[in-house]
Amino acid sequence: MREAQSLQSLMILISRCIEVLNLWKIACDHQFEVVTKDLTGPQKATLKDSTLKQLLKPDYEEVI
């Protein structure tokens, strides 16, 4: 049962990684400033301050 859950989590992580990499490719292919020009100030700040981990799993809260 745990193995199945681990494999499911891995599949979700890989899927999110692929999505982020595809979005990054689009941004690089189409000049990032053109892609983001219509974002609001707060949206641009959020994107700028986001880590890859936050982009892949936005509901993740790290416990320190």
PDB file of N, CA and C in Angstrom:
ATOM      1  N   MET A   1       0.822  -1.189   0.000  1.00  0.00           N
ATOM      2  CA  MET A   1       0.000   0.000   0.000  1.00  0.00           C
ATOM      3  C   MET A   1       0.870   1.258   0.000  1.00  0.00           C
ATOM      4  N   ARG A   2       1.896   1.305   0.864  1.00  0.00           N
ATOM      5  CA  ARG A   2       2.780   2.476   0.910  1.00  0.00           C
ATOM      6  C   ARG A   2       3.546   2.632  -0.388  1.00  0.00           C
ATOM      7  N   GLU A   3       3.926   1.512  -0.973  1.00  0.00           N
ATOM      8  CA  GLU A   3       4.657   1.570  -2.227  1.00  0.00           C
ATOM      9  C   GLU A   3       3.790   2.184  -3.324  1.00  0.00           C
ATOM     10  N   ALA A   4       2.528   1.815  -3.368  1.00  0.00           N
ATOM     11  CA  ALA A   4       1.605   2.369  -4.361  1.00  0.00           C
ATOM     12  C   ALA A   4       1.427   3.870  -4.153  1.00  0.00           C
ATOM     13  N   GLN A   5       1.337   4.294  -2.894  1.00  0.00           N
ATOM     14  CA  GLN A   5       1.205   5.725  -2.591  1.00  0.00           C
ATOM     15  C   GLN A   5       2.479   6.472  -2.987  1.00  0.00           C
ATOM     16  N   SER A   6       3.622   5.872  -2.725  1.00  0.00           N
ATOM     17  CA  SER A   6       4.892   6.498  -3.095  1.00  0.00           C
ATOM     18  C   SER A   6       5.005   6.642  -4.608  1.00  0.00           C
ATOM     19  N   LEU A   7       4.618   5.604  -5.328  1.00  0.00           N
ATOM     20  CA  LEU A   7       4.664   5.663  -6.788  1.00  0.00           C
ATOM     21  C   LEU A   7       3.694   6.709  -7.324  1.00  0.00           C
ATOM     22  N   GLN A   8       2.533   6.816  -6.721  1.00  0.00           N
ATOM     23  CA  GLN A   8       1.544   7.824  -7.126  1.00  0.00           C
ATOM     24  C   GLN A   8       2.104   9.230  -6.877  1.00  0.00           C
ATOM     25  N   SER A   9       2.728   9.436  -5.739  1.00  0.00           N
ATOM     26  CA  SER A   9       3.329  10.736  -5.419  1.00  0.00           C
ATOM     27  C   SER A   9       4.453  11.061  -6.391  1.00  0.00           C
ATOM     28  N   LEU A  10       5.249  10.080  -6.738  1.00  0.00           N
ATOM     29  CA  LEU A  10       6.329  10.272  -7.700  1.00  0.00           C
ATOM     30  C   LEU A  10       5.765  10.649  -9.070  1.00  0.00           C
ATOM     31  N   MET A  11       4.703   9.998  -9.475  1.00  0.00           N
ATOM     32  CA  MET A  11       4.074  10.313 -10.757  1.00  0.00           C
ATOM     33  C   MET A  11       3.549  11.746 -10.769  1.00  0.00           C
ATOM     34  N   ILE A  12       2.969  12.190  -9.671  1.00  0.00           N
ATOM     35  CA  ILE A  12       2.464  13.561  -9.570  1.00  0.00           C
ATOM     36  C   ILE A  12       3.628  14.541  -9.650  1.00  0.00           C
ATOM     37  N   LEU A  13       4.713  14.261  -8.934  1.00  0.00           N
ATOM     38  CA  LEU A  13       5.880  15.128  -8.959  1.00  0.00           C
ATOM     39  C   LEU A  13       6.465  15.229 -10.366  1.00  0.00           C
ATOM     40  N   ILE A  14       6.599  14.106 -11.031  1.00  0.00           N
ATOM     41  CA  ILE A  14       7.140  14.100 -12.400  1.00  0.00           C
ATOM     42  C   ILE A  14       6.229  14.880 -13.332  1.00  0.00           C
ATOM     43  N   SER A  15       4.943  14.695 -13.190  1.00  0.00           N
ATOM     44  CA  SER A  15       3.979  15.424 -14.013  1.00  0.00           C
ATOM     45  C   SER A  15       4.097  16.932 -13.807  1.00  0.00           C
ATOM     46  N   ARG A  16       4.226  17.341 -12.560  1.00  0.00           N
ATOM     47  CA  ARG A  16       4.368  18.773 -12.262  1.00  0.00           C
ATOM     48  C   ARG A  16       5.692  19.315 -12.787  1.00  0.00           C
ATOM     49  N   CYS A  17       6.744  18.532 -12.685  1.00  0.00           N
ATOM     50  CA  CYS A  17       8.049  18.944 -13.214  1.00  0.00           C
ATOM     51  C   CYS A  17       7.969  19.152 -14.724  1.00  0.00           C
ATOM     52  N   ILE A  18       7.339  18.229 -15.400  1.00  0.00           N
ATOM     53  CA  ILE A  18       7.182  18.337 -16.851  1.00  0.00           C
ATOM     54  C   ILE A  18       6.375  19.578 -17.203  1.00  0.00           C
ATOM     55  N   GLU A  19       5.320  19.844 -16.462  1.00  0.00           N
ATOM     56  CA  GLU A  19       4.499  21.022 -16.715  1.00  0.00           C
ATOM     57  C   GLU A  19       5.303  22.308 -16.525  1.00  0.00           C
ATOM     58  N   VAL A  20       6.074  22.382 -15.450  1.00  0.00           N
ATOM     59  CA  VAL A  20       6.892  23.571 -15.194  1.00  0.00           C
ATOM     60  C   VAL A  20       7.945  23.737 -16.287  1.00  0.00           C
ATOM     61  N   LEU A  21       8.588  22.649 -16.674  1.00  0.00           N
ATOM     62  CA  LEU A  21       9.600  22.739 -17.725  1.00  0.00           C
ATOM     63  C   LEU A  21       8.989  23.156 -19.065  1.00  0.00           C
ATOM     64  N   ASN A  22       7.795  22.667 -19.363  1.00  0.00           N
ATOM     65  CA  ASN A  22       7.111  23.083 -20.587  1.00  0.00           C
ATOM     66  C   ASN A  22       6.736  24.559 -20.533  1.00  0.00           C
ATOM     67  N   LEU A  23       6.283  25.016 -19.383  1.00  0.00           N
ATOM     68  CA  LEU A  23       5.968  26.438 -19.230  1.00  0.00           C
ATOM     69  C   LEU A  23       7.231  27.284 -19.366  1.00  0.00           C
ATOM     70  N   TRP A  24       8.329  26.797 -18.794  1.00  0.00           N
ATOM     71  CA  TRP A  24       9.600  27.514 -18.906  1.00  0.00           C
ATOM     72  C   TRP A  24      10.046  27.588 -20.366  1.00  0.00           C
ATOM     73  N   LYS A  25       9.862  26.494 -21.110  1.00  0.00           N
ATOM     74  CA  LYS A  25      10.214  26.480 -22.533  1.00  0.00           C
ATOM     75  C   LYS A  25       9.387  27.511 -23.292  1.00  0.00           C
ATOM     76  N   ILE A  26       8.105  27.581 -22.997  1.00  0.00           N
ATOM     77  CA  ILE A  26       7.246  28.582 -23.636  1.00  0.00           C
ATOM     78  C   ILE A  26       7.752  29.988 -23.315  1.00  0.00           C
ATOM     79  N   ALA A  27       8.080  30.208 -22.053  1.00  0.00           N
ATOM     80  CA  ALA A  27       8.574  31.527 -21.642  1.00  0.00           C
ATOM     81  C   ALA A  27       9.870  31.877 -22.364  1.00  0.00           C
ATOM     82  N   CYS A  28      10.759  30.909 -22.513  1.00  0.00           N
ATOM     83  CA  CYS A  28      12.032  31.162 -23.203  1.00  0.00           C
ATOM     84  C   CYS A  28      11.826  31.362 -24.702  1.00  0.00           C
ATOM     85  N   ASP A  29      10.946  30.576 -25.293  1.00  0.00           N
ATOM     86  CA  ASP A  29      10.691  30.664 -26.732  1.00  0.00           C
ATOM     87  C   ASP A  29       9.979  31.959 -27.113  1.00  0.00           C
ATOM     88  N   HIS A  30       9.210  32.512 -26.205  1.00  0.00           N
ATOM     89  CA  HIS A  30       8.378  33.668 -26.532  1.00  0.00           C
ATOM     90  C   HIS A  30       8.732  34.904 -25.723  1.00  0.00           C
ATOM     91  N   GLN A  31       9.959  35.042 -25.347  1.00  0.00           N
ATOM     92  CA  GLN A  31      10.449  36.185 -24.589  1.00  0.00           C
ATOM     93  C   GLN A  31       9.616  36.370 -23.322  1.00  0.00           C
ATOM     94  N   PHE A  32      10.224  36.058 -22.212  1.00  0.00           N
ATOM     95  CA  PHE A  32       9.538  36.029 -20.919  1.00  0.00           C
ATOM     96  C   PHE A  32       8.793  37.330 -20.626  1.00  0.00           C
ATOM     97  N   GLU A  33       9.375  38.472 -20.978  1.00  0.00           N
ATOM     98  CA  GLU A  33       8.721  39.742 -20.681  1.00  0.00           C
ATOM     99  C   GLU A  33       7.425  39.914 -21.470  1.00  0.00           C
ATOM    100  N   VAL A  34       7.342  39.321 -22.657  1.00  0.00           N
ATOM    101  CA  VAL A  34       6.112  39.382 -23.446  1.00  0.00           C
ATOM    102  C   VAL A  34       5.040  38.498 -22.803  1.00  0.00           C
ATOM    103  N   VAL A  35       5.450  37.318 -22.329  1.00  0.00           N
ATOM    104  CA  VAL A  35       4.512  36.385 -21.702  1.00  0.00           C
ATOM    105  C   VAL A  35       3.943  36.973 -20.416  1.00  0.00           C
ATOM    106  N   THR A  36       4.767  37.702 -19.663  1.00  0.00           N
ATOM    107  CA  THR A  36       4.351  38.198 -18.343  1.00  0.00           C
ATOM    108  C   THR A  36       3.888  39.653 -18.341  1.00  0.00           C
ATOM    109  N   LYS A  37       3.844  40.306 -19.475  1.00  0.00           N
ATOM    110  CA  LYS A  37       3.532  41.734 -19.501  1.00  0.00           C
ATOM    111  C   LYS A  37       2.144  42.065 -18.961  1.00  0.00           C
ATOM    112  N   ASP A  38       1.184  41.158 -19.070  1.00  0.00           N
ATOM    113  CA  ASP A  38      -0.174  41.426 -18.614  1.00  0.00           C
ATOM    114  C   ASP A  38      -0.425  41.031 -17.160  1.00  0.00           C
ATOM    115  N   LEU A  39       0.597  40.509 -16.484  1.00  0.00           N
ATOM    116  CA  LEU A  39       0.439  40.173 -15.072  1.00  0.00           C
ATOM    117  C   LEU A  39       0.355  41.454 -14.244  1.00  0.00           C
ATOM    118  N   THR A  40      -0.388  41.398 -13.158  1.00  0.00           N
ATOM    119  CA  THR A  40      -0.453  42.539 -12.253  1.00  0.00           C
ATOM    120  C   THR A  40       0.834  42.610 -11.441  1.00  0.00           C
ATOM    121  N   GLY A  41       1.057  43.723 -10.768  1.00  0.00           N
ATOM    122  CA  GLY A  41       2.241  43.879  -9.924  1.00  0.00           C
ATOM    123  C   GLY A  41       2.376  42.774  -8.893  1.00  0.00           C
ATOM    124  N   PRO A  42       1.298  42.473  -8.140  1.00  0.00           N
ATOM    125  CA  PRO A  42       1.392  41.387  -7.156  1.00  0.00           C
ATOM    126  C   PRO A  42       1.660  40.017  -7.792  1.00  0.00           C
ATOM    127  N   GLN A  43       1.101  39.766  -8.962  1.00  0.00           N
ATOM    128  CA  GLN A  43       1.344  38.494  -9.639  1.00  0.00           C
ATOM    129  C   GLN A  43       2.810  38.384 -10.055  1.00  0.00           C
ATOM    130  N   LYS A  44       3.369  39.475 -10.566  1.00  0.00           N
ATOM    131  CA  LYS A  44       4.787  39.474 -10.946  1.00  0.00           C
ATOM    132  C   LYS A  44       5.670  39.259  -9.721  1.00  0.00           C
ATOM    133  N   ALA A  45       5.312  39.891  -8.601  1.00  0.00           N
ATOM    134  CA  ALA A  45       6.096  39.732  -7.374  1.00  0.00           C
ATOM    135  C   ALA A  45       6.035  38.290  -6.883  1.00  0.00           C
ATOM    136  N   THR A  46       4.853  37.686  -6.948  1.00  0.00           N
ATOM    137  CA  THR A  46       4.689  36.300  -6.524  1.00  0.00           C
ATOM    138  C   THR A  46       5.528  35.379  -7.396  1.00  0.00           C
ATOM    139  N   LEU A  47       5.490  35.581  -8.705  1.00  0.00           N
ATOM    140  CA  LEU A  47       6.275  34.762  -9.621  1.00  0.00           C
ATOM    141  C   LEU A  47       7.766  34.938  -9.360  1.00  0.00           C
ATOM    142  N   LYS A  48       8.175  36.168  -9.146  1.00  0.00           N
ATOM    143  CA  LYS A  48       9.586  36.457  -8.904  1.00  0.00           C
ATOM    144  C   LYS A  48      10.082  35.807  -7.619  1.00  0.00           C
ATOM    145  N   ASP A  49       9.242  35.780  -6.593  1.00  0.00           N
ATOM    146  CA  ASP A  49       9.641  35.256  -5.291  1.00  0.00           C
ATOM    147  C   ASP A  49       9.425  33.757  -5.136  1.00  0.00           C
ATOM    148  N   SER A  50       8.846  33.109  -6.135  1.00  0.00           N
ATOM    149  CA  SER A  50       8.540  31.684  -6.050  1.00  0.00           C
ATOM    150  C   SER A  50       9.778  30.833  -6.271  1.00  0.00           C
ATOM    151  N   THR A  51       9.859  29.766  -5.514  1.00  0.00           N
ATOM    152  CA  THR A  51      10.911  28.776  -5.720  1.00  0.00           C
ATOM    153  C   THR A  51      10.367  27.676  -6.623  1.00  0.00           C
ATOM    154  N   LEU A  52      11.247  26.848  -7.139  1.00  0.00           N
ATOM    155  CA  LEU A  52      10.806  25.731  -7.962  1.00  0.00           C
ATOM    156  C   LEU A  52       9.899  24.809  -7.156  1.00  0.00           C
ATOM    157  N   LYS A  53      10.244  24.594  -5.888  1.00  0.00           N
ATOM    158  CA  LYS A  53       9.419  23.744  -5.028  1.00  0.00           C
ATOM    159  C   LYS A  53       8.004  24.303  -4.920  1.00  0.00           C
ATOM    160  N   GLN A  54       7.877  25.627  -4.774  1.00  0.00           N
ATOM    161  CA  GLN A  54       6.552  26.244  -4.666  1.00  0.00           C
ATOM    162  C   GLN A  54       5.785  26.137  -5.978  1.00  0.00           C
ATOM    163  N   LEU A  55       6.487  26.214  -7.099  1.00  0.00           N
ATOM    164  CA  LEU A  55       5.814  26.074  -8.384  1.00  0.00           C
ATOM    165  C   LEU A  55       5.334  24.642  -8.607  1.00  0.00           C
ATOM    166  N   LEU A  56       6.139  23.675  -8.152  1.00  0.00           N
ATOM    167  CA  LEU A  56       5.779  22.273  -8.339  1.00  0.00           C
ATOM    168  C   LEU A  56       4.699  21.822  -7.370  1.00  0.00           C
ATOM    169  N   LYS A  57       4.741  22.333  -6.162  1.00  0.00           N
ATOM    170  CA  LYS A  57       3.782  21.905  -5.147  1.00  0.00           C
ATOM    171  C   LYS A  57       3.372  23.119  -4.318  1.00  0.00           C
ATOM    172  N   PRO A  58       2.473  23.957  -4.858  1.00  0.00           N
ATOM    173  CA  PRO A  58       2.123  25.208  -4.202  1.00  0.00           C
ATOM    174  C   PRO A  58       1.427  25.052  -2.849  1.00  0.00           C
ATOM    175  N   ASP A  59       0.844  23.903  -2.574  1.00  0.00           N
ATOM    176  CA  ASP A  59       0.145  23.693  -1.301  1.00  0.00           C
ATOM    177  C   ASP A  59       1.081  23.160  -0.216  1.00  0.00           C
ATOM    178  N   TYR A  60       2.371  23.027  -0.539  1.00  0.00           N
ATOM    179  CA  TYR A  60       3.353  22.486   0.409  1.00  0.00           C
ATOM    180  C   TYR A  60       3.770  23.554   1.391  1.00  0.00           C
ATOM    181  N   GLU A  61       3.714  23.228   2.676  1.00  0.00           N
ATOM    182  CA  GLU A  61       4.177  24.143   3.714  1.00  0.00           C
ATOM    183  C   GLU A  61       5.331  23.471   4.444  1.00  0.00           C
ATOM    184  N   GLU A  62       6.485  24.069   4.356  1.00  0.00           N
ATOM    185  CA  GLU A  62       7.671  23.501   4.977  1.00  0.00           C
ATOM    186  C   GLU A  62       7.651  23.795   6.473  1.00  0.00           C
ATOM    187  N   VAL A  63       7.879  22.788   7.274  1.00  0.00           N
ATOM    188  CA  VAL A  63       7.924  22.941   8.718  1.00  0.00           C
ATOM    189  C   VAL A  63       9.384  23.039   9.123  1.00  0.00           C
ATOM    190  N   ILE A  64       9.716  24.113   9.807  1.00  0.00           N
ATOM    191  CA  ILE A  64      11.110  24.325  10.213  1.00  0.00           C
ATOM    192  C   ILE A  64      11.296  23.859  11.645  1.00  0.00           C
TER     193      ILE A  64
END
